[in-house]
C-alpha atoms as a PDB file:
ATOM      1  CA  MET A   1      52.524  39.857 -20.653  1.00  0.00           C
ATOM      2  CA  SER A   2      50.157  42.472 -19.443  1.00  0.00           C
ATOM      3  CA  LYS A   3      51.930  45.259 -17.574  1.00  0.00           C
ATOM      4  CA  THR A   4      48.797  45.490 -15.334  1.00  0.00           C
ATOM      5  CA  ASN A   5      49.621  42.670 -13.659  1.00  0.00           C
ATOM      6  CA  LEU A   6      53.161  43.923 -12.727  1.00  0.00           C
ATOM      7  CA  ARG A   7      53.493  43.944  -8.996  1.00  0.00           C
ATOM      8  CA  PRO A   8      56.211  46.271  -7.400  1.00  0.00           C
ATOM      9  CA  TYR A   9      59.547  44.321  -6.255  1.00  0.00           C
ATOM     10  CA  ASN A  10      60.088  45.261  -2.731  1.00  0.00           C
ATOM     11  CA  ILE A  11      62.328  42.943  -1.135  1.00  0.00           C
ATOM     12  CA  THR A  12      64.799  43.881   1.278  1.00  0.00           C
ATOM     13  CA  ARG A  13      68.486  43.281  -0.371  1.00  0.00           C
ATOM     14  CA  ASN A  14      71.432  41.846   1.030  1.00  0.00           C
ATOM     15  CA  LEU A  15      74.563  42.300  -0.620  1.00  0.00           C
ATOM     16  CA  ASP A  16      76.800  39.936   1.567  1.00  0.00           C
ATOM     17  CA  GLN A  17      74.208  37.284   0.851  1.00  0.00           C
ATOM     18  CA  ASP A  18      74.059  37.763  -2.736  1.00  0.00           C
ATOM     19  CA  ALA A  19      77.765  38.407  -3.463  1.00  0.00           C
ATOM     20  CA  TRP A  20      78.439  35.121  -1.331  1.00  0.00           C
ATOM     21  CA  PHE A  21      76.181  33.058  -3.561  1.00  0.00           C
ATOM     22  CA  LEU A  22      77.627  34.562  -6.849  1.00  0.00           C
ATOM     23  CA  TYR A  23      81.486  33.668  -5.423  1.00  0.00           C
ATOM     24  CA  GLN A  24      80.157  30.066  -4.453  1.00  0.00           C
ATOM     25  CA  THR A  25      78.681  29.332  -7.653  1.00  0.00           C
ATOM     26  CA  THR A  26      81.638  30.236  -9.634  1.00  0.00           C
ATOM     27  CA  SER A  27      84.338  28.636  -7.349  1.00  0.00           C
ATOM     28  CA  PHE A  28      86.542  26.068  -8.391  1.00  0.00           C
ATOM     29  CA  GLY A  29      85.336  23.784  -5.631  1.00  0.00           C
ATOM     30  CA  PHE A  30      81.994  24.370  -6.988  1.00  0.00           C
ATOM     31  CA  TYR A  31      82.682  23.317 -10.275  1.00  0.00           C
ATOM     32  CA  GLU A  32      84.569  20.115  -8.764  1.00  0.00           C
ATOM     33  CA  LEU A  33      81.244  19.426  -6.928  1.00  0.00           C
ATOM     34  CA  CYS A  34      79.256  19.587 -10.326  1.00  0.00           C
ATOM     35  CA  ALA A  35      82.125  17.397 -12.002  1.00  0.00           C
ATOM     36  CA  THR A  36      81.757  14.710  -9.094  1.00  0.00           C
ATOM     37  CA  LEU A  37      77.913  14.926  -9.028  1.00  0.00           C
ATOM     38  CA  CYS A  38      77.918  13.689 -12.519  1.00  0.00           C
ATOM     39  CA  GLU A  39      80.545  11.224 -12.046  1.00  0.00           C
ATOM     40  CA  GLU A  40      78.289   9.743  -9.073  1.00  0.00           C
ATOM     41  CA  PHE A  41      75.236   9.953 -11.374  1.00  0.00           C
ATOM     42  CA  ALA A  42      77.116   7.690 -14.156  1.00  0.00           C
ATOM     43  CA  ASN A  43      78.688   5.211 -11.560  1.00  0.00           C
ATOM     44  CA  LEU A  44      75.375   4.775  -9.909  1.00  0.00           C
ATOM     45  CA  TYR A  45      73.551   4.303 -13.146  1.00  0.00           C
ATOM     46  CA  ASN A  46      76.517   1.977 -14.207  1.00  0.00           C
ATOM     47  CA  GLY A  47      75.776   0.096 -11.099  1.00  0.00           C
ATOM     48  CA  PHE A  48      72.267  -0.588 -11.729  1.00  0.00           C
ATOM     49  CA  ILE A  49      73.012  -1.435 -15.373  1.00  0.00           C
ATOM     50  CA  THR A  50      75.415  -4.147 -13.804  1.00  0.00           C
ATOM     51  CA  ASP A  51      72.948  -5.515 -11.342  1.00  0.00           C
ATOM     52  CA  HIS A  52      70.467  -6.367 -14.290  1.00  0.00           C
ATOM     53  CA  GLY A  53      72.904  -7.454 -16.559  1.00  0.00           C
ATOM     54  CA  LEU A  54      71.806  -4.881 -19.209  1.00  0.00           C
ATOM     55  CA  HIS A  55      75.207  -3.789 -20.551  1.00  0.00           C
ATOM     56  CA  ARG A  56      75.349  -3.228 -24.245  1.00  0.00           C
ATOM     57  CA  GLN A  57      71.503  -2.923 -24.404  1.00  0.00           C
ATOM     58  CA  ALA A  58      69.617  -0.016 -26.151  1.00  0.00           C
ATOM     59  CA  ARG A  59      72.024   3.069 -25.357  1.00  0.00           C
ATOM     60  CA  LEU A  60      72.238   2.686 -21.789  1.00  0.00           C
ATOM     61  CA  ASP A  61      76.012   2.289 -21.720  1.00  0.00           C
ATOM     62  CA  TYR A  62      76.301   5.331 -23.776  1.00  0.00           C
ATOM     63  CA  TRP A  63      74.568   7.725 -21.261  1.00  0.00           C
ATOM     64  CA  VAL A  64      76.963   6.521 -18.551  1.00  0.00           C
ATOM     65  CA  SER A  65      79.747   7.533 -20.754  1.00  0.00           C
ATOM     66  CA  ARG A  66      78.309  10.642 -21.565  1.00  0.00           C
ATOM     67  CA  TYR A  67      77.918  11.652 -18.131  1.00  0.00           C
ATOM     68  CA  LEU A  68      81.390  10.799 -17.070  1.00  0.00           C
ATOM     69  CA  GLN A  69      82.438  12.896 -20.064  1.00  0.00           C
ATOM     70  CA  HIS A  70      80.479  15.856 -18.838  1.00  0.00           C
ATOM     71  CA  ALA A  71      82.521  15.455 -15.629  1.00  0.00           C
ATOM     72  CA  ASP A  72      85.850  15.425 -17.533  1.00  0.00           C
ATOM     73  CA  ASN A  73      84.549  18.212 -19.698  1.00  0.00           C
ATOM     74  CA  ILE A  74      83.801  20.460 -16.268  1.00  0.00           C
ATOM     75  CA  ARG A  75      87.083  19.806 -14.985  1.00  0.00           C
ATOM     76  CA  ARG A  76      88.851  20.675 -18.452  1.00  0.00           C
ATOM     77  CA  GLY A  77      86.905  24.001 -18.230  1.00  0.00           C
ATOM     78  CA  VAL A  78      88.362  24.586 -14.970  1.00  0.00           C
ATOM     79  CA  LYS A  79      91.748  24.088 -16.645  1.00  0.00           C
ATOM     80  CA  PHE A  80      90.695  26.820 -19.233  1.00  0.00           C
ATOM     81  CA  ILE A  81      90.116  29.313 -16.337  1.00  0.00           C
ATOM     82  CA  GLN A  82      93.032  28.705 -14.371  1.00  0.00           C
ATOM     83  CA  ASP A  83      95.440  28.718 -17.395  1.00  0.00           C
ATOM     84  CA  GLY A  84      93.978  31.923 -19.248  1.00  0.00           C
ATOM     85  CA  GLY A  85      90.956  33.208 -17.423  1.00  0.00           C
ATOM     86  CA  ASP A  86      88.463  31.568 -20.042  1.00  0.00           C
ATOM     87  CA  TYR A  87      84.753  30.850 -18.734  1.00  0.00           C
ATOM     88  CA  MET A  88      83.344  30.538 -21.724  1.00  0.00           C
ATOM     89  CA  PRO A  89      83.476  26.725 -22.479  1.00  0.00           C
ATOM     90  CA  MET A  90      82.194  26.177 -19.068  1.00  0.00           C
ATOM     91  CA  VAL A  91      78.857  27.941 -20.096  1.00  0.00           C
ATOM     92  CA  ASP A  92      78.142  24.947 -22.192  1.00  0.00           C
ATOM     93  CA  PHE A  93      79.807  22.531 -19.872  1.00  0.00           C
ATOM     94  CA  LEU A  94      77.566  23.149 -17.122  1.00  0.00           C
ATOM     95  CA  ASN A  95      74.374  23.294 -19.321  1.00  0.00           C
ATOM     96  CA  SER A  96      74.909  19.830 -20.990  1.00  0.00           C
ATOM     97  CA  PRO A  97      74.249  17.846 -18.197  1.00  0.00           C
ATOM     98  CA  THR A  98      70.930  19.207 -17.415  1.00  0.00           C
ATOM     99  CA  THR A  99      69.666  19.433 -20.916  1.00  0.00           C
ATOM    100  CA  ASP A 100      70.872  15.969 -21.674  1.00  0.00           C
ATOM    101  CA  TYR A 101      67.846  14.549 -19.207  1.00  0.00           C
ATOM    102  CA  ARG A 102      65.546  14.469 -22.223  1.00  0.00           C
ATOM    103  CA  GLY A 103      67.862  11.935 -24.161  1.00  0.00           C
ATOM    104  CA  LEU A 104      67.961  10.048 -20.859  1.00  0.00           C
ATOM    105  CA  ILE A 105      64.413   9.558 -20.561  1.00  0.00           C
ATOM    106  CA  GLU A 106      63.884   8.332 -23.921  1.00  0.00           C
ATOM    107  CA  GLN A 107      65.801   5.269 -23.082  1.00  0.00           C
ATOM    108  CA  PRO A 108      64.108   2.191 -21.546  1.00  0.00           C
ATOM    109  CA  LEU A 109      64.222   2.889 -17.733  1.00  0.00           C
ATOM    110  CA  GLY A 110      61.192   0.405 -16.552  1.00  0.00           C
ATOM    111  CA  TRP A 111      63.779  -2.281 -15.510  1.00  0.00           C
ATOM    112  CA  MET A 112      64.943  -0.324 -12.555  1.00  0.00           C
ATOM    113  CA  ASN A 113      63.078  -1.491  -9.556  1.00  0.00           C
ATOM    114  CA  GLU A 114      61.323   1.275  -7.355  1.00  0.00           C
ATOM    115  CA  GLU A 115      64.305   1.943  -4.881  1.00  0.00           C
ATOM    116  CA  GLN A 116      66.768   2.112  -7.842  1.00  0.00           C
ATOM    117  CA  SER A 117      64.493   4.666  -9.780  1.00  0.00           C
ATOM    118  CA  LYS A 118      64.133   6.987  -6.809  1.00  0.00           C
ATOM    119  CA  GLN A 119      68.285   7.027  -6.458  1.00  0.00           C
ATOM    120  CA  TRP A 120      68.702   7.440 -10.217  1.00  0.00           C
ATOM    121  CA  LYS A 121      66.116  10.401 -10.123  1.00  0.00           C
ATOM    122  CA  THR A 122      67.376  11.955  -6.754  1.00  0.00           C
ATOM    123  CA  SER A 123      70.932  11.789  -8.172  1.00  0.00           C
ATOM    124  CA  HIS A 124      70.123  13.311 -11.350  1.00  0.00           C
ATOM    125  CA  GLU A 125      67.924  16.224  -9.843  1.00  0.00           C
ATOM    126  CA  LYS A 126      70.874  16.758  -7.686  1.00  0.00           C
ATOM    127  CA  LEU A 127      73.555  17.385 -10.297  1.00  0.00           C
ATOM    128  CA  SER A 128      70.913  19.357 -12.494  1.00  0.00           C
ATOM    129  CA  ALA A 129      70.564  21.690  -9.666  1.00  0.00           C
ATOM    130  CA  ALA A 130      74.160  22.372  -9.244  1.00  0.00           C
ATOM    131  CA  CYS A 131      75.136  22.523 -12.954  1.00  0.00           C
ATOM    132  CA  GLY A 132      71.971  24.594 -13.638  1.00  0.00           C
ATOM    133  CA  THR A 133      72.586  26.773 -11.146  1.00  0.00           C
ATOM    134  CA  GLY A 134      76.255  27.376 -12.124  1.00  0.00           C
ATOM    135  CA  HIS A 135      75.140  27.888 -15.593  1.00  0.00           C
ATOM    136  CA  VAL A 136      72.829  30.673 -14.847  1.00  0.00           C
ATOM    137  CA  THR A 137      75.253  32.460 -12.826  1.00  0.00           C
ATOM    138  CA  LEU A 138      77.644  32.707 -15.963  1.00  0.00           C
ATOM    139  CA  ASN A 139      74.555  33.227 -18.619  1.00  0.00           C
ATOM    140  CA  ASN A 140      74.679  36.825 -19.134  1.00  0.00           C
ATOM    141  CA  LEU A 141      78.700  36.566 -20.182  1.00  0.00           C
ATOM    142  CA  ARG A 142      77.713  36.218 -23.876  1.00  0.00           C
ATOM    143  CA  PRO A 143      74.960  38.548 -24.665  1.00  0.00           C
ATOM    144  CA  GLY A 144      74.662  41.151 -22.021  1.00  0.00           C
ATOM    145  CA  GLY A 145      77.599  43.742 -23.020  1.00  0.00           C
ATOM    146  CA  LEU A 146      77.114  43.128 -26.734  1.00  0.00           C
ATOM    147  CA  GLU A 147      73.199  43.663 -26.632  1.00  0.00           C
ATOM    148  CA  TRP A 148      74.035  46.786 -24.977  1.00  0.00           C
ATOM    149  CA  LEU A 149      76.710  48.121 -27.455  1.00  0.00           C
ATOM    150  CA  ARG A 150      74.138  47.031 -30.479  1.00  0.00           C
ATOM    151  CA  ARG A 151      71.262  48.957 -28.656  1.00  0.00           C
ATOM    152  CA  ASP A 152      71.427  52.089 -30.956  1.00  0.00           C
ATOM    153  CA  ALA A 153      72.045  50.122 -34.182  1.00  0.00           C
ATOM    154  CA  ALA A 154      69.111  50.852 -36.571  1.00  0.00           C
ATOM    155  CA  GLU A 155      68.896  47.317 -37.794  1.00  0.00           C
ATOM    156  CA  THR A 156      68.927  45.736 -34.290  1.00  0.00           C
ATOM    157  CA  ASP A 157      65.470  45.626 -32.251  1.00  0.00           C
ATOM    158  CA  SER A 158      66.597  42.623 -30.053  1.00  0.00           C
ATOM    159  CA  PRO A 159      64.119  41.244 -27.769  1.00  0.00           C
ATOM    160  CA  PHE A 160      67.099  39.856 -25.663  1.00  0.00           C
ATOM    161  CA  LEU A 161      68.491  43.380 -24.633  1.00  0.00           C
ATOM    162  CA  ASP A 162      65.971  43.879 -21.697  1.00  0.00           C
ATOM    163  CA  ARG A 163      66.398  40.209 -20.356  1.00  0.00           C
ATOM    164  CA  ASP A 164      68.228  39.367 -17.641  1.00  0.00           C
ATOM    165  CA  ASP A 165      69.283  35.568 -18.008  1.00  0.00           C
ATOM    166  CA  SER A 166      71.187  35.457 -14.858  1.00  0.00           C
ATOM    167  CA  HIS A 167      70.297  35.049 -11.129  1.00  0.00           C
ATOM    168  CA  VAL A 168      67.636  37.826 -11.060  1.00  0.00           C
ATOM    169  CA  GLY A 169      67.247  39.846  -7.639  1.00  0.00           C
ATOM    170  CA  ASP A 170      67.224  38.436  -4.074  1.00  0.00           C
ATOM    171  CA  MET A 171      69.468  35.046  -3.847  1.00  0.00           C
ATOM    172  CA  ALA A 172      67.605  33.865  -0.542  1.00  0.00           C
ATOM    173  CA  GLN A 173      65.511  31.537  -2.689  1.00  0.00           C
ATOM    174  CA  SER A 174      68.350  30.378  -4.592  1.00  0.00           C
ATOM    175  CA  ILE A 175      70.271  29.322  -1.595  1.00  0.00           C
ATOM    176  CA  LYS A 176      66.981  27.547  -0.187  1.00  0.00           C
ATOM    177  CA  PHE A 177      66.831  25.350  -3.551  1.00  0.00           C
ATOM    178  CA  MET A 178      70.603  24.754  -3.205  1.00  0.00           C
ATOM    179  CA  GLU A 179      70.164  23.803   0.302  1.00  0.00           C
ATOM    180  CA  LYS A 180      67.036  21.484  -0.562  1.00  0.00           C
ATOM    181  CA  HIS A 181      69.489  19.555  -2.605  1.00  0.00           C
ATOM    182  CA  GLY A 182      72.293  19.127  -0.165  1.00  0.00           C
ATOM    183  CA  ILE A 183      74.675  21.257  -2.517  1.00  0.00           C
ATOM    184  CA  LEU A 184      74.990  24.584  -0.313  1.00  0.00           C
ATOM    185  CA  ASN A 185      74.404  25.519   3.220  1.00  0.00           C
ATOM    186  CA  SER A 186      72.943  28.938   4.144  1.00  0.00           C
ATOM    187  CA  LEU A 187      74.407  30.765   6.781  1.00  0.00           C
ATOM    188  CA  GLU A 188      73.379  32.717   9.572  1.00  0.00           C
ATOM    189  CA  THR A 189      75.753  35.861   8.877  1.00  0.00           C
ATOM    190  CA  TYR A 190      77.364  36.187   5.550  1.00  0.00           C
ATOM    191  CA  PRO A 191      81.195  37.196   5.064  1.00  0.00           C
ATOM    192  CA  ARG A 192      81.517  40.770   4.524  1.00  0.00           C
ATOM    193  CA  HIS A 193      81.878  41.814   0.811  1.00  0.00           C
ATOM    194  CA  THR A 194      83.335  45.358   0.585  1.00  0.00           C
ATOM    195  CA  ILE A 195      82.856  47.484  -2.373  1.00  0.00           C
ATOM    196  CA  ASN A 196      85.933  48.771  -4.044  1.00  0.00           C
ATOM    197  CA  ASP A 197      85.606  52.047  -5.551  1.00  0.00           C
ATOM    198  CA  ASP A 198      89.088  51.887  -7.190  1.00  0.00           C
ATOM    199  CA  PHE A 199      87.247  50.148 -10.063  1.00  0.00           C
ATOM    200  CA  ALA A 200      84.230  51.993 -11.692  1.00  0.00           C
ATOM    201  CA  VAL A 201      82.978  50.737 -15.324  1.00  0.00           C
ATOM    202  CA  PHE A 202      80.213  51.667 -17.489  1.00  0.00           C
ATOM    203  CA  PRO A 203      78.428  49.023 -19.473  1.00  0.00           C
ATOM    204  CA  GLY A 204      79.642  48.064 -22.930  1.00  0.00           C
ATOM    205  CA  GLN A 205      83.115  48.923 -21.580  1.00  0.00           C
ATOM    206  CA  THR A 206      85.630  46.180 -21.175  1.00  0.00           C
ATOM    207  CA  CYS A 207      85.483  44.550 -17.446  1.00  0.00           C
ATOM    208  CA  PRO A 208      89.090  44.826 -15.973  1.00  0.00           C
ATOM    209  CA  ARG A 209      88.474  42.457 -13.254  1.00  0.00           C
ATOM    210  CA  THR A 210      86.932  38.774 -12.890  1.00  0.00           C
ATOM    211  CA  GLY A 211      83.974  38.773  -9.939  1.00  0.00           C
ATOM    212  CA  VAL A 212      81.477  40.329  -8.467  1.00  0.00           C
ATOM    213  CA  TRP A 213      79.810  43.805  -9.442  1.00  0.00           C
ATOM    214  CA  VAL A 214      77.486  45.823  -8.126  1.00  0.00           C
ATOM    215  CA  PRO A 215      75.429  48.791  -9.911  1.00  0.00           C
ATOM    216  CA  SER A 216      75.540  52.272  -8.687  1.00  0.00           C
ATOM    217  CA  GLN A 217      71.747  52.142  -8.229  1.00  0.00           C
ATOM    218  CA  TRP A 218      72.031  49.545  -5.380  1.00  0.00           C
ATOM    219  CA  ILE A 219      74.661  51.758  -3.557  1.00  0.00           C
ATOM    220  CA  GLU A 220      72.434  54.577  -3.655  1.00  0.00           C
ATOM    221  CA  GLY A 221      69.523  52.554  -2.226  1.00  0.00           C
ATOM    222  CA  ALA A 222      67.413  50.855  -4.787  1.00  0.00           C
ATOM    223  CA  SER A 223      66.385  47.336  -4.159  1.00  0.00           C
ATOM    224  CA  ASN A 224      65.271  46.391  -7.506  1.00  0.00           C
ATOM    225  CA  PHE A 225      68.623  45.757  -9.227  1.00  0.00           C
ATOM    226  CA  SER A 226      71.006  42.665  -9.180  1.00  0.00           C
ATOM    227  CA  LEU A 227      74.519  41.937  -8.783  1.00  0.00           C
ATOM    228  CA  ALA A 228      76.430  40.338 -11.687  1.00  0.00           C
ATOM    229  CA  PHE A 229      79.553  37.935 -11.915  1.00  0.00           C
ATOM    230  CA  CYS A 230      81.540  39.555 -15.050  1.00  0.00           C
ATOM    231  CA  ILE A 231      84.640  38.259 -16.565  1.00  0.00           C
ATOM    232  CA  GLU A 232      87.957  40.547 -17.360  1.00  0.00           C
ATOM    233  CA  GLY A 233      88.111  41.101 -20.825  1.00  0.00           C
ATOM    234  CA  LEU A 234      84.529  40.822 -21.966  1.00  0.00           C
ATOM    235  CA  SER A 235      81.944  43.850 -22.151  1.00  0.00           C
ATOM    236  CA  MET A 236      80.342  44.829 -19.102  1.00  0.00           C
ATOM    237  CA  GLN A 237      76.654  44.085 -19.123  1.00  0.00           C
ATOM    238  CA  PRO A 238      73.867  46.764 -18.512  1.00  0.00           C
ATOM    239  CA  ALA A 239      72.359  47.158 -15.054  1.00  0.00           C
ATOM    240  CA  TYR A 240      68.953  45.095 -15.231  1.00  0.00           C
ATOM    241  CA  GLN A 241      66.429  46.999 -12.899  1.00  0.00           C
ATOM    242  CA  ILE A 242      63.408  44.709 -12.100  1.00  0.00           C
ATOM    243  CA  ILE A 243      60.345  47.014 -13.145  1.00  0.00           C
ATOM    244  CA  GLY A 244      58.011  44.143 -11.385  1.00  0.00           C
ATOM    245  CA  LEU A 245      56.744  40.873 -10.988  1.00  0.00           C
ATOM    246  CA  ASP A 246      54.295  39.561 -14.061  1.00  0.00           C
ATOM    247  CA  MET A 247      51.555  37.926 -11.919  1.00  0.00           C
ATOM    248  CA  TRP A 248      50.708  35.820 -14.852  1.00  0.00           C
ATOM    249  CA  HIS A 249      48.583  33.059 -13.030  1.00  0.00           C
ATOM    250  CA  LEU A 250      46.199  36.090 -11.793  1.00  0.00           C
ATOM    251  CA  ASP A 251      44.981  35.555 -15.711  1.00  0.00           C
ATOM    252  CA  ASP A 252      42.886  32.278 -14.768  1.00  0.00           C
ATOM    253  CA  GLU A 253      40.974  31.992 -18.061  1.00  0.00           C
ATOM    254  CA  ASP A 254      39.007  29.162 -16.417  1.00  0.00           C
ATOM    255  CA  GLY A 255      38.232  31.442 -13.273  1.00  0.00           C
ATOM    256  CA  GLY A 256      39.552  28.689 -10.891  1.00  0.00           C
ATOM    257  CA  THR A 257      40.429  29.421  -7.381  1.00  0.00           C
ATOM    258  CA  LEU A 258      44.281  29.230  -7.047  1.00  0.00           C
ATOM    259  CA  GLU A 259      46.257  28.111  -4.254  1.00  0.00           C
ATOM    260  CA  PRO A 260      47.367  31.007  -1.778  1.00  0.00           C
ATOM    261  CA  ASP A 261      50.981  30.317  -2.085  1.00  0.00           C
ATOM    262  CA  TRP A 262      50.690  30.990  -5.820  1.00  0.00           C
ATOM    263  CA  GLU A 263      50.128  34.831  -4.924  1.00  0.00           C
ATOM    264  CA  LEU A 264      53.535  35.026  -3.710  1.00  0.00           C
ATOM    265  CA  GLU A 265      54.994  33.783  -7.141  1.00  0.00           C
ATOM    266  CA  GLY A 266      55.694  36.005 -10.103  1.00  0.00           C
ATOM    267  CA  ASP A 267      58.274  36.263 -12.961  1.00  0.00           C
ATOM    268  CA  PRO A 268      60.850  39.291 -12.873  1.00  0.00           C
ATOM    269  CA  VAL A 269      60.355  41.683 -15.509  1.00  0.00           C
ATOM    270  CA  THR A 270      63.624  43.531 -16.077  1.00  0.00           C
ATOM    271  CA  LYS A 271      64.736  46.729 -18.225  1.00  0.00           C
ATOM    272  CA  ALA A 272      68.523  47.317 -19.418  1.00  0.00           C
ATOM    273  CA  THR A 273      69.689  50.467 -17.721  1.00  0.00           C
ATOM    274  CA  ASN A 274      72.915  52.405 -17.939  1.00  0.00           C
ATOM    275  CA  THR A 275      74.999  52.286 -14.658  1.00  0.00           C
ATOM    276  CA  THR A 276      78.436  52.511 -13.188  1.00  0.00           C
ATOM    277  CA  TRP A 277      79.660  49.044 -12.021  1.00  0.00           C
ATOM    278  CA  HIS A 278      81.734  48.967  -8.863  1.00  0.00           C
ATOM    279  CA  PHE A 279      83.819  45.973  -7.955  1.00  0.00           C
ATOM    280  CA  VAL A 280      82.633  43.696  -4.836  1.00  0.00           C
ATOM    281  CA  GLU A 281      85.653  41.957  -3.188  1.00  0.00           C
ATOM    282  CA  ASN A 282      85.327  38.403  -2.294  1.00  0.00           C
ATOM    283  CA  GLY A 283      84.626  37.987   1.591  1.00  0.00           C
ATOM    284  CA  SER A 284      84.860  34.181   1.426  1.00  0.00           C
ATOM    285  CA  MET A 285      88.606  33.915   0.538  1.00  0.00           C
ATOM    286  CA  ASP A 286      89.270  33.351   4.193  1.00  0.00           C
ATOM    287  CA  GLN A 287      86.225  31.443   5.107  1.00  0.00           C
ATOM    288  CA  LYS A 288      85.371  27.734   4.832  1.00  0.00           C
ATOM    289  CA  SER A 289      83.334  26.803   1.821  1.00  0.00           C
ATOM    290  CA  PRO A 290      80.266  25.213   3.123  1.00  0.00           C
ATOM    291  CA  ILE A 291      80.714  23.049  -0.040  1.00  0.00           C
ATOM    292  CA  GLY A 292      84.011  21.351   1.209  1.00  0.00           C
ATOM    293  CA  GLU A 293      83.220  18.674   3.661  1.00  0.00           C
ATOM    294  CA  TYR A 294      80.040  17.402   1.166  1.00  0.00           C
ATOM    295  CA  ARG A 295      82.505  15.660  -1.611  1.00  0.00           C
ATOM    296  CA  LEU A 296      84.974  14.044   0.824  1.00  0.00           C
ATOM    297  CA  ARG A 297      86.275  10.694  -0.813  1.00  0.00           C
ATOM    298  CA  CYS A 298      88.293   7.956  -0.454  1.00  0.00           C
ATOM    299  CA  GLU A 299      89.579   4.825  -2.848  1.00  0.00           C
ATOM    300  CA  GLY A 300      89.283   1.349  -1.766  1.00  0.00           C
ATOM    301  CA  GLY A 301      92.427  -0.093   0.144  1.00  0.00           C
ATOM    302  CA  GLN A 302      92.984   3.410   1.541  1.00  0.00           C
ATOM    303  CA  PRO A 303      92.356   4.453   5.279  1.00  0.00           C
ATOM    304  CA  CYS A 304      89.143   6.256   6.045  1.00  0.00           C
ATOM    305  CA  PRO A 305      89.950   9.981   6.745  1.00  0.00           C
ATOM    306  CA  LYS A 306      86.890  10.218   8.945  1.00  0.00           C
ATOM    307  CA  SER A 307      84.408   8.525  11.109  1.00  0.00           C
ATOM    308  CA  GLY A 308      80.814   8.389   9.694  1.00  0.00           C
ATOM    309  CA  TYR A 309      78.557   6.868   6.748  1.00  0.00           C
ATOM    310  CA  TRP A 310      80.153   6.322   3.610  1.00  0.00           C
ATOM    311  CA  ILE A 311      78.688   5.188   0.127  1.00  0.00           C
ATOM    312  CA  THR A 312      79.975   3.860  -3.278  1.00  0.00           C
ATOM    313  CA  PRO A 313      78.368   4.146  -6.521  1.00  0.00           C
ATOM    314  CA  ALA A 314      80.097   0.464  -7.516  1.00  0.00           C
ATOM    315  CA  LYS A 315      77.416  -1.168  -5.274  1.00  0.00           C
ATOM    316  CA  SER A 316      73.544  -0.668  -4.681  1.00  0.00           C
ATOM    317  CA  LEU A 317      72.769  -0.022  -0.721  1.00  0.00           C
ATOM    318  CA  SER A 318      76.255   0.484  -0.032  1.00  0.00           C
ATOM    319  CA  ARG A 319      75.969   2.772   2.802  1.00  0.00           C
ATOM    320  CA  ARG A 320      78.173   1.560   5.725  1.00  0.00           C
ATOM    321  CA  TYR A 321      79.665   2.931   8.745  1.00  0.00           C
ATOM    322  CA  PHE A 322      83.808   3.133   9.071  1.00  0.00           C
ATOM    323  CA  LYS A 323      85.762   4.730  11.709  1.00  0.00           C
ATOM    324  CA  ARG A 324      88.812   6.606  10.978  1.00  0.00           C
ATOM    325  CA  GLY A 325      91.671   4.474   9.978  1.00  0.00           C
ATOM    326  CA  ASP A 326      89.701   1.615   9.024  1.00  0.00           C
ATOM    327  CA  THR A 327      90.700   0.164   5.377  1.00  0.00           C
ATOM    328  CA  MET A 328      87.976   1.244   2.840  1.00  0.00           C
ATOM    329  CA  PRO A 329      86.934  -2.163   1.148  1.00  0.00           C
ATOM    330  CA  GLU A 330      87.424  -2.375  -2.548  1.00  0.00           C
ATOM    331  CA  VAL A 331      84.194  -4.021  -4.456  1.00  0.00           C
ATOM    332  CA  ALA A 332      84.000  -5.661  -7.588  1.00  0.00           C
ATOM    333  CA  SER A 333      82.213  -3.677 -10.631  1.00  0.00           C
ATOM    334  CA  ASP A 334      82.709  -2.799 -14.051  1.00  0.00           C
ATOM    335  CA  TYR A 335      83.658   0.463 -13.567  1.00  0.00           C
ATOM    336  CA  GLY A 336      87.001  -0.379 -11.719  1.00  0.00           C
ATOM    337  CA  THR A 337      88.625   1.684  -8.967  1.00  0.00           C
ATOM    338  CA  THR A 338      86.118   1.783  -6.010  1.00  0.00           C
ATOM    339  CA  ILE A 339      85.333   5.184  -4.933  1.00  0.00           C
ATOM    340  CA  TRP A 340      83.991   5.696  -1.155  1.00  0.00           C
ATOM    341  CA  GLN A 341      82.171   9.198  -0.886  1.00  0.00           C
ATOM    342  CA  TRP A 342      80.914  10.976   2.492  1.00  0.00           C
ATOM    343  CA  ASP A 343      77.562  10.517   2.734  1.00  0.00           C
ATOM    344  CA  ILE A 344      75.943  14.332   3.605  1.00  0.00           C
ATOM    345  CA  ASN A 345      73.228  12.398   5.410  1.00  0.00           C
ATOM    346  CA  GLN A 346      74.976  11.246   8.728  1.00  0.00           C
ATOM    347  CA  SER A 347      71.734  10.209  10.564  1.00  0.00           C
ATOM    348  CA  ASP A 348      71.605   6.491  12.093  1.00  0.00           C
ATOM    349  CA  PRO A 349      69.698   4.107   9.974  1.00  0.00           C
ATOM    350  CA  LYS A 350      66.095   3.505  10.925  1.00  0.00           C
ATOM    351  CA  LEU A 351      65.551   0.193  12.618  1.00  0.00           C
END
């Protein structure tokens, strides 16, 4: 990395927006969404395998069960949090569905038709976006505080001390990314998140309360620091100052002309900094979560809870309109119980 390519980070910050994003992506509703997306992908994949009569071929069935296990693991992770405040298993549980992609594509997939391949890819991209984002939100829990405590050790010259592995800087782009995949909806006005001055903690000290924390530099007007989601009982991480954006693409050895949009891109370069952390209250506690309606679901044989278009992974091209009170049909499949899910795309089909 060339220091001469660092551009200043001058983005107006919005504490309410950024805190809202961190609280949303660590909520139980969000974790259930991640589990359901893994389940949906497994059911979709299983349905395609059934359609083509390919059960017990290669390791196709293994990957169906693998993603059902991911869903179970994420729900187990929620229980760990509820019962003991332990978020550490969730870090790995959210990472695995995304990193398993390599194993998935090493299997024969050419048997799917074009429409099935598109649905398969879209479904996995959505679960990867959700699980991957949730993983990144928690990604500083392990190293942040420990690296800070070890920083003066003579035998330690860690390359990780200054690296912020969580969400860096303004969350607007992250929210747009999630909105693109139909996971979160941006808000015109974000709920008010107040700073609680009763809690003030230094890096390396034990976090007294799980939630979002803001560094004192932000409160004093600096725009190049990030909020952090920290866990009670773990060591507080340092504040990561964004010292600039690494415009690596400007070092084009071939001298080629790059697209204008590239001028807006850059990787944040951060430096671990001492600070006083202050707790940020969750302003969304009394707000309706934008995640809520997305995962409305109903078992076959039960009355439809809401009029609109519904889909089931048990059958290809299953999208149908049901009125509230209609009995949701059961579909014969190898998976068992038919689960109908609310389609986030409620537009009428094109004729």
